[in-house]
Amino acid sequence: ELGPFFAELDALRRGCEAGQIATLAEALERGEVSSSCATAAGWVLEWAPSYRAGGAADLVKVAQACLGRPVGAGAAQVLDHGSVQRLRSCVLSGRVGVRGAAVVLAEMAKLGPRLTPAALPTVWEGFLAVAQEAGPREVRGLRERIIATYGRDEEFQVRQDRLKHGVSLSAGRADDGMVEYLLRLDPEGASVLEAAIGPLSAPN
């Protein structure tokens, strides 16, 4: 019965996260945070010491967004009433965790201004669905496909051209007899490299 018990603990953890978001949002809305601390993150750390190990910034970002008060550059441009309700529903029900919601917010802030306005509700729903079923890494992995499908005119090509300027290979650096390189590739270059070395590296 350890597996089912572990699943119950996981559900409890998600419920506690949702409860913390709801409580922090209430404290922000009532002015409790501003009257007792300089910052929302400071209030979180005062009452929840476990966040000293990290995570307070994400908690604040998600709670603010659930109130329709996004923080960070670009966030306000893509968070309308409908998206606030979608995000709030997913987070407070425990379907999307704080980390996943924070990544969705960050991705929307980056991509939103580069997408057609009509596509924003669809992209919001898609990101939240992926955050619910998979995780932050998979949300970030949608970037190129989202821009290609919903980007403004020529946005995809502009991004591809910009990425090509970031391709690089560092000079070799000796470390304990081994030589180490740092290789940065755009998506096209990465596909070529993986197609070339993938079959040769099987099964590992």
C-alpha atoms as a PDB file:
ATOM      1  CA  GLU A   1       0.000   0.000   0.000  1.00  0.00           C
ATOM      2  CA  LEU A   2       3.029   2.324  -0.068  1.00  0.00           C
ATOM      3  CA  GLY A   3       2.357   3.401  -3.664  1.00  0.00           C
ATOM      4  CA  PRO A   4      -1.253   4.502  -3.046  1.00  0.00           C
ATOM      5  CA  PHE A   5      -0.179   6.180   0.219  1.00  0.00           C
ATOM      6  CA  PHE A   6       2.564   8.058  -1.655  1.00  0.00           C
ATOM      7  CA  ALA A   7      -0.053   9.203  -4.194  1.00  0.00           C
ATOM      8  CA  GLU A   8      -2.213  10.524  -1.341  1.00  0.00           C
ATOM      9  CA  LEU A   9       0.740  12.488   0.018  1.00  0.00           C
ATOM     10  CA  ASP A  10       1.353  13.945  -3.440  1.00  0.00           C
ATOM     11  CA  ALA A  11      -2.279  15.065  -3.679  1.00  0.00           C
ATOM     12  CA  LEU A  12      -1.966  16.596  -0.199  1.00  0.00           C
ATOM     13  CA  ARG A  13       1.184  18.482  -1.261  1.00  0.00           C
ATOM     14  CA  ARG A  14      -0.600  19.908  -4.309  1.00  0.00           C
ATOM     15  CA  GLY A  15      -3.532  20.911  -2.121  1.00  0.00           C
ATOM     16  CA  CYS A  16      -1.206  22.660   0.349  1.00  0.00           C
ATOM     17  CA  GLU A  17       0.468  24.580  -2.497  1.00  0.00           C
ATOM     18  CA  ALA A  18      -2.935  25.705  -3.761  1.00  0.00           C
ATOM     19  CA  GLY A  19      -3.898  26.729  -0.225  1.00  0.00           C
ATOM     20  CA  GLN A  20      -0.751  28.817   0.142  1.00  0.00           C
ATOM     21  CA  ILE A  21      -1.468  30.601  -3.146  1.00  0.00           C
ATOM     22  CA  ALA A  22      -5.045  31.340  -2.058  1.00  0.00           C
ATOM     23  CA  THR A  23      -3.872  32.612   1.352  1.00  0.00           C
ATOM     24  CA  LEU A  24      -1.097  34.775  -0.087  1.00  0.00           C
ATOM     25  CA  ALA A  25      -3.494  36.233  -2.662  1.00  0.00           C
ATOM     26  CA  GLU A  26      -5.944  37.073   0.132  1.00  0.00           C
ATOM     27  CA  ALA A  27      -3.176  38.695   2.188  1.00  0.00           C
ATOM     28  CA  LEU A  28      -2.105  40.760  -0.822  1.00  0.00           C
ATOM     29  CA  GLU A  29      -5.671  41.819  -1.586  1.00  0.00           C
ATOM     30  CA  ARG A  30      -6.456  42.840   2.001  1.00  0.00           C
ATOM     31  CA  GLY A  31      -3.212  44.827   2.329  1.00  0.00           C
ATOM     32  CA  GLU A  32      -1.913  42.510   5.044  1.00  0.00           C
ATOM     33  CA  VAL A  33       1.386  42.049   3.189  1.00  0.00           C
ATOM     34  CA  SER A  34       2.061  45.721   2.473  1.00  0.00           C
ATOM     35  CA  SER A  35       1.270  46.738   6.062  1.00  0.00           C
ATOM     36  CA  SER A  36       3.651  44.266   7.676  1.00  0.00           C
ATOM     37  CA  CYS A  37       6.498  43.670   5.184  1.00  0.00           C
ATOM     38  CA  ALA A  38       8.432  45.572   2.556  1.00  0.00           C
ATOM     39  CA  THR A  39       7.870  42.849  -0.038  1.00  0.00           C
ATOM     40  CA  ALA A  40       5.539  39.926  -0.666  1.00  0.00           C
ATOM     41  CA  ALA A  41       8.522  37.565  -0.758  1.00  0.00           C
ATOM     42  CA  GLY A  42       9.541  38.843   2.683  1.00  0.00           C
ATOM     43  CA  TRP A  43       6.045  38.077   4.019  1.00  0.00           C
ATOM     44  CA  VAL A  44       6.267  34.542   2.601  1.00  0.00           C
ATOM     45  CA  LEU A  45       9.662  33.959   4.230  1.00  0.00           C
ATOM     46  CA  GLU A  46       8.429  35.314   7.561  1.00  0.00           C
ATOM     47  CA  TRP A  47       5.530  32.889   7.773  1.00  0.00           C
ATOM     48  CA  ALA A  48       6.848  29.947   5.749  1.00  0.00           C
ATOM     49  CA  PRO A  49      10.530  29.387   6.624  1.00  0.00           C
ATOM     50  CA  SER A  50      10.806  26.390   4.286  1.00  0.00           C
ATOM     51  CA  TYR A  51      10.803  28.844   1.361  1.00  0.00           C
ATOM     52  CA  ARG A  52      14.196  30.148   2.480  1.00  0.00           C
ATOM     53  CA  ALA A  53      15.562  27.267   0.417  1.00  0.00           C
ATOM     54  CA  GLY A  54      13.917  28.808  -2.670  1.00  0.00           C
ATOM     55  CA  GLY A  55      10.556  29.134  -4.385  1.00  0.00           C
ATOM     56  CA  ALA A  56       9.190  32.279  -2.721  1.00  0.00           C
ATOM     57  CA  ALA A  57       9.531  34.355  -5.895  1.00  0.00           C
ATOM     58  CA  ASP A  58       7.480  31.850  -7.913  1.00  0.00           C
ATOM     59  CA  LEU A  59       4.820  31.738  -5.198  1.00  0.00           C
ATOM     60  CA  VAL A  60       4.495  35.531  -5.254  1.00  0.00           C
ATOM     61  CA  LYS A  61       4.467  35.699  -9.056  1.00  0.00           C
ATOM     62  CA  VAL A  62       1.652  33.153  -9.321  1.00  0.00           C
ATOM     63  CA  ALA A  63      -0.409  34.682  -6.492  1.00  0.00           C
ATOM     64  CA  GLN A  64      -0.133  38.142  -8.074  1.00  0.00           C
ATOM     65  CA  ALA A  65      -1.178  36.759 -11.465  1.00  0.00           C
ATOM     66  CA  CYS A  66      -4.181  34.995  -9.901  1.00  0.00           C
ATOM     67  CA  LEU A  67      -5.291  38.445  -8.703  1.00  0.00           C
ATOM     68  CA  GLY A  68      -4.780  39.934 -12.161  1.00  0.00           C
ATOM     69  CA  ARG A  69      -1.726  41.903 -11.001  1.00  0.00           C
ATOM     70  CA  PRO A  70       1.139  40.289 -12.924  1.00  0.00           C
ATOM     71  CA  VAL A  71       4.727  41.214 -12.160  1.00  0.00           C
ATOM     72  CA  GLY A  72       7.597  41.370 -14.631  1.00  0.00           C
ATOM     73  CA  ALA A  73       8.169  42.821 -18.075  1.00  0.00           C
ATOM     74  CA  GLY A  74       5.600  41.847 -20.688  1.00  0.00           C
ATOM     75  CA  ALA A  75       3.282  40.007 -18.284  1.00  0.00           C
ATOM     76  CA  ALA A  76       0.523  42.629 -18.238  1.00  0.00           C
ATOM     77  CA  GLN A  77       0.247  42.581 -22.040  1.00  0.00           C
ATOM     78  CA  VAL A  78      -0.951  38.980 -22.159  1.00  0.00           C
ATOM     79  CA  LEU A  79      -2.905  38.516 -18.914  1.00  0.00           C
ATOM     80  CA  ASP A  80      -6.522  39.520 -19.480  1.00  0.00           C
ATOM     81  CA  HIS A  81      -9.603  38.604 -17.431  1.00  0.00           C
ATOM     82  CA  GLY A  82     -10.109  35.286 -19.223  1.00  0.00           C
ATOM     83  CA  SER A  83      -6.530  34.121 -18.772  1.00  0.00           C
ATOM     84  CA  VAL A  84      -6.547  35.170 -15.106  1.00  0.00           C
ATOM     85  CA  GLN A  85      -9.605  32.993 -14.542  1.00  0.00           C
ATOM     86  CA  ARG A  86      -8.053  30.033 -16.370  1.00  0.00           C
ATOM     87  CA  LEU A  87      -4.818  30.298 -14.419  1.00  0.00           C
ATOM     88  CA  ARG A  88      -6.570  30.799 -11.087  1.00  0.00           C
ATOM     89  CA  SER A  89      -8.846  27.798 -11.663  1.00  0.00           C
ATOM     90  CA  CYS A  90      -5.932  25.495 -12.568  1.00  0.00           C
ATOM     91  CA  VAL A  91      -3.754  26.610  -9.652  1.00  0.00           C
ATOM     92  CA  LEU A  92      -6.365  26.711  -6.891  1.00  0.00           C
ATOM     93  CA  SER A  93      -7.699  23.300  -7.875  1.00  0.00           C
ATOM     94  CA  GLY A  94      -4.188  21.864  -7.644  1.00  0.00           C
ATOM     95  CA  ARG A  95      -4.174  20.768 -11.296  1.00  0.00           C
ATOM     96  CA  VAL A  96      -1.148  22.977 -12.035  1.00  0.00           C
ATOM     97  CA  GLY A  97       1.594  23.428  -9.457  1.00  0.00           C
ATOM     98  CA  VAL A  98       3.277  26.705  -8.570  1.00  0.00           C
ATOM     99  CA  ARG A  99       6.452  25.927 -10.519  1.00  0.00           C
ATOM    100  CA  GLY A 100       4.509  24.967 -13.644  1.00  0.00           C
ATOM    101  CA  ALA A 101       2.306  28.061 -13.405  1.00  0.00           C
ATOM    102  CA  ALA A 102       5.361  30.315 -12.959  1.00  0.00           C
ATOM    103  CA  VAL A 103       6.948  28.864 -16.113  1.00  0.00           C
ATOM    104  CA  VAL A 104       3.697  29.347 -18.065  1.00  0.00           C
ATOM    105  CA  LEU A 105       3.629  32.997 -16.958  1.00  0.00           C
ATOM    106  CA  ALA A 106       7.264  33.494 -17.964  1.00  0.00           C
ATOM    107  CA  GLU A 107       6.742  31.891 -21.379  1.00  0.00           C
ATOM    108  CA  MET A 108       3.612  33.940 -22.062  1.00  0.00           C
ATOM    109  CA  ALA A 109       5.436  37.141 -21.095  1.00  0.00           C
ATOM    110  CA  LYS A 110       8.208  36.305 -23.582  1.00  0.00           C
ATOM    111  CA  LEU A 111       6.073  34.978 -26.433  1.00  0.00           C
ATOM    112  CA  GLY A 112       2.809  36.881 -26.023  1.00  0.00           C
ATOM    113  CA  PRO A 113       3.897  40.154 -27.680  1.00  0.00           C
ATOM    114  CA  ARG A 114       5.154  38.147 -30.669  1.00  0.00           C
ATOM    115  CA  LEU A 115       1.878  36.267 -31.219  1.00  0.00           C
ATOM    116  CA  THR A 116      -1.319  37.346 -32.948  1.00  0.00           C
ATOM    117  CA  PRO A 117      -3.794  38.689 -30.332  1.00  0.00           C
ATOM    118  CA  ALA A 118      -6.514  36.269 -31.436  1.00  0.00           C
ATOM    119  CA  ALA A 119      -4.267  33.309 -30.620  1.00  0.00           C
ATOM    120  CA  LEU A 120      -3.559  34.266 -26.994  1.00  0.00           C
ATOM    121  CA  PRO A 121      -6.513  32.387 -25.385  1.00  0.00           C
ATOM    122  CA  THR A 122      -5.630  29.230 -27.333  1.00  0.00           C
ATOM    123  CA  VAL A 123      -1.971  29.447 -26.343  1.00  0.00           C
ATOM    124  CA  TRP A 124      -2.888  30.039 -22.681  1.00  0.00           C
ATOM    125  CA  GLU A 125      -5.088  26.932 -22.669  1.00  0.00           C
ATOM    126  CA  GLY A 126      -2.399  24.886 -24.387  1.00  0.00           C
ATOM    127  CA  PHE A 127       0.351  25.929 -22.000  1.00  0.00           C
ATOM    128  CA  LEU A 128      -1.800  25.222 -18.935  1.00  0.00           C
ATOM    129  CA  ALA A 129      -2.801  21.811 -20.309  1.00  0.00           C
ATOM    130  CA  VAL A 130       0.842  20.876 -20.893  1.00  0.00           C
ATOM    131  CA  ALA A 131       1.820  22.160 -17.425  1.00  0.00           C
ATOM    132  CA  GLN A 132      -0.927  19.979 -15.958  1.00  0.00           C
ATOM    133  CA  GLU A 133      -0.038  16.795 -17.851  1.00  0.00           C
ATOM    134  CA  ALA A 134       3.753  17.154 -18.126  1.00  0.00           C
ATOM    135  CA  GLY A 135       5.900  19.896 -16.625  1.00  0.00           C
ATOM    136  CA  PRO A 136       7.965  23.083 -17.042  1.00  0.00           C
ATOM    137  CA  ARG A 137      10.460  21.532 -19.457  1.00  0.00           C
ATOM    138  CA  GLU A 138       7.721  20.494 -21.849  1.00  0.00           C
ATOM    139  CA  VAL A 139       6.118  23.951 -21.628  1.00  0.00           C
ATOM    140  CA  ARG A 140       9.410  25.577 -22.660  1.00  0.00           C
ATOM    141  CA  GLY A 141       9.782  23.022 -25.431  1.00  0.00           C
ATOM    142  CA  LEU A 142       6.691  24.420 -27.194  1.00  0.00           C
ATOM    143  CA  ARG A 143       8.357  27.764 -28.000  1.00  0.00           C
ATOM    144  CA  GLU A 144       9.297  27.146 -31.637  1.00  0.00           C
ATOM    145  CA  ARG A 145       6.026  25.426 -32.507  1.00  0.00           C
ATOM    146  CA  ILE A 146       3.966  28.203 -30.908  1.00  0.00           C
ATOM    147  CA  ILE A 147       5.818  30.931 -32.800  1.00  0.00           C
ATOM    148  CA  ALA A 148       5.597  29.020 -36.072  1.00  0.00           C
ATOM    149  CA  THR A 149       1.839  28.442 -35.662  1.00  0.00           C
ATOM    150  CA  TYR A 150       0.604  31.620 -33.967  1.00  0.00           C
ATOM    151  CA  GLY A 151       3.392  34.171 -34.489  1.00  0.00           C
ATOM    152  CA  ARG A 152       2.868  37.535 -36.141  1.00  0.00           C
ATOM    153  CA  ASP A 153       3.885  37.850 -39.797  1.00  0.00           C
ATOM    154  CA  GLU A 154       7.499  36.777 -40.344  1.00  0.00           C
ATOM    155  CA  GLU A 155       8.064  36.370 -36.592  1.00  0.00           C
ATOM    156  CA  PHE A 156       9.238  32.768 -36.971  1.00  0.00           C
ATOM    157  CA  GLN A 157      11.841  33.668 -39.606  1.00  0.00           C
ATOM    158  CA  VAL A 158      13.040  36.664 -37.601  1.00  0.00           C
ATOM    159  CA  ARG A 159      13.585  34.397 -34.580  1.00  0.00           C
ATOM    160  CA  GLN A 160      15.417  31.789 -36.640  1.00  0.00           C
ATOM    161  CA  ASP A 161      17.719  34.438 -38.108  1.00  0.00           C
ATOM    162  CA  ARG A 162      18.413  35.814 -34.618  1.00  0.00           C
ATOM    163  CA  LEU A 163      19.204  32.350 -33.251  1.00  0.00           C
ATOM    164  CA  LYS A 164      21.767  31.688 -35.971  1.00  0.00           C
ATOM    165  CA  HIS A 165      23.878  34.542 -34.606  1.00  0.00           C
ATOM    166  CA  GLY A 166      24.098  32.710 -31.282  1.00  0.00           C
ATOM    167  CA  VAL A 167      25.669  29.534 -32.707  1.00  0.00           C
ATOM    168  CA  SER A 168      29.126  28.989 -31.231  1.00  0.00           C
ATOM    169  CA  LEU A 169      31.796  26.450 -30.299  1.00  0.00           C
ATOM    170  CA  SER A 170      34.168  27.313 -27.461  1.00  0.00           C
ATOM    171  CA  ALA A 171      37.893  26.683 -27.505  1.00  0.00           C
ATOM    172  CA  GLY A 172      38.883  23.373 -25.959  1.00  0.00           C
ATOM    173  CA  ARG A 173      39.522  23.487 -22.213  1.00  0.00           C
ATOM    174  CA  ALA A 174      41.725  20.820 -20.633  1.00  0.00           C
ATOM    175  CA  ASP A 175      40.359  19.327 -17.425  1.00  0.00           C
ATOM    176  CA  ASP A 176      42.132  16.425 -15.741  1.00  0.00           C
ATOM    177  CA  GLY A 177      43.512  15.198 -19.059  1.00  0.00           C
ATOM    178  CA  MET A 178      40.175  15.482 -20.878  1.00  0.00           C
ATOM    179  CA  VAL A 179      39.278  18.307 -23.273  1.00  0.00           C
ATOM    180  CA  GLU A 180      35.891  19.962 -22.843  1.00  0.00           C
ATOM    181  CA  TYR A 181      33.996  22.098 -25.403  1.00  0.00           C
ATOM    182  CA  LEU A 182      30.795  24.122 -25.122  1.00  0.00           C
ATOM    183  CA  LEU A 183      28.625  23.932 -28.254  1.00  0.00           C
ATOM    184  CA  ARG A 184      25.578  26.184 -28.796  1.00  0.00           C
ATOM    185  CA  LEU A 185      23.261  25.405 -31.718  1.00  0.00           C
ATOM    186  CA  ASP A 186      20.076  26.817 -33.174  1.00  0.00           C
ATOM    187  CA  PRO A 187      17.162  24.337 -33.628  1.00  0.00           C
ATOM    188  CA  GLU A 188      18.133  23.534 -37.228  1.00  0.00           C
ATOM    189  CA  GLY A 189      21.753  22.830 -36.299  1.00  0.00           C
ATOM    190  CA  ALA A 190      20.694  20.722 -33.310  1.00  0.00           C
ATOM    191  CA  SER A 191      18.448  18.599 -35.543  1.00  0.00           C
ATOM    192  CA  VAL A 192      21.298  17.978 -37.997  1.00  0.00           C
ATOM    193  CA  LEU A 193      23.726  17.035 -35.227  1.00  0.00           C
ATOM    194  CA  GLU A 194      21.263  14.732 -33.476  1.00  0.00           C
ATOM    195  CA  ALA A 195      20.356  13.019 -36.761  1.00  0.00           C
ATOM    196  CA  ALA A 196      24.059  12.409 -37.398  1.00  0.00           C
ATOM    197  CA  ILE A 197      25.136  11.125 -33.985  1.00  0.00           C
ATOM    198  CA  GLY A 198      21.863   9.583 -32.761  1.00  0.00           C
ATOM    199  CA  PRO A 199      22.120   6.258 -34.654  1.00  0.00           C
ATOM    200  CA  LEU A 200      25.829   5.970 -33.815  1.00  0.00           C
ATOM    201  CA  SER A 201      25.293   6.413 -30.067  1.00  0.00           C
ATOM    202  CA  ALA A 202      22.579   3.767 -29.609  1.00  0.00           C
ATOM    203  CA  PRO A 203      21.684   2.419 -27.110  1.00  0.00           C
ATOM    204  CA  ASN A 204      23.358   5.001 -24.868  1.00  0.00           C
END
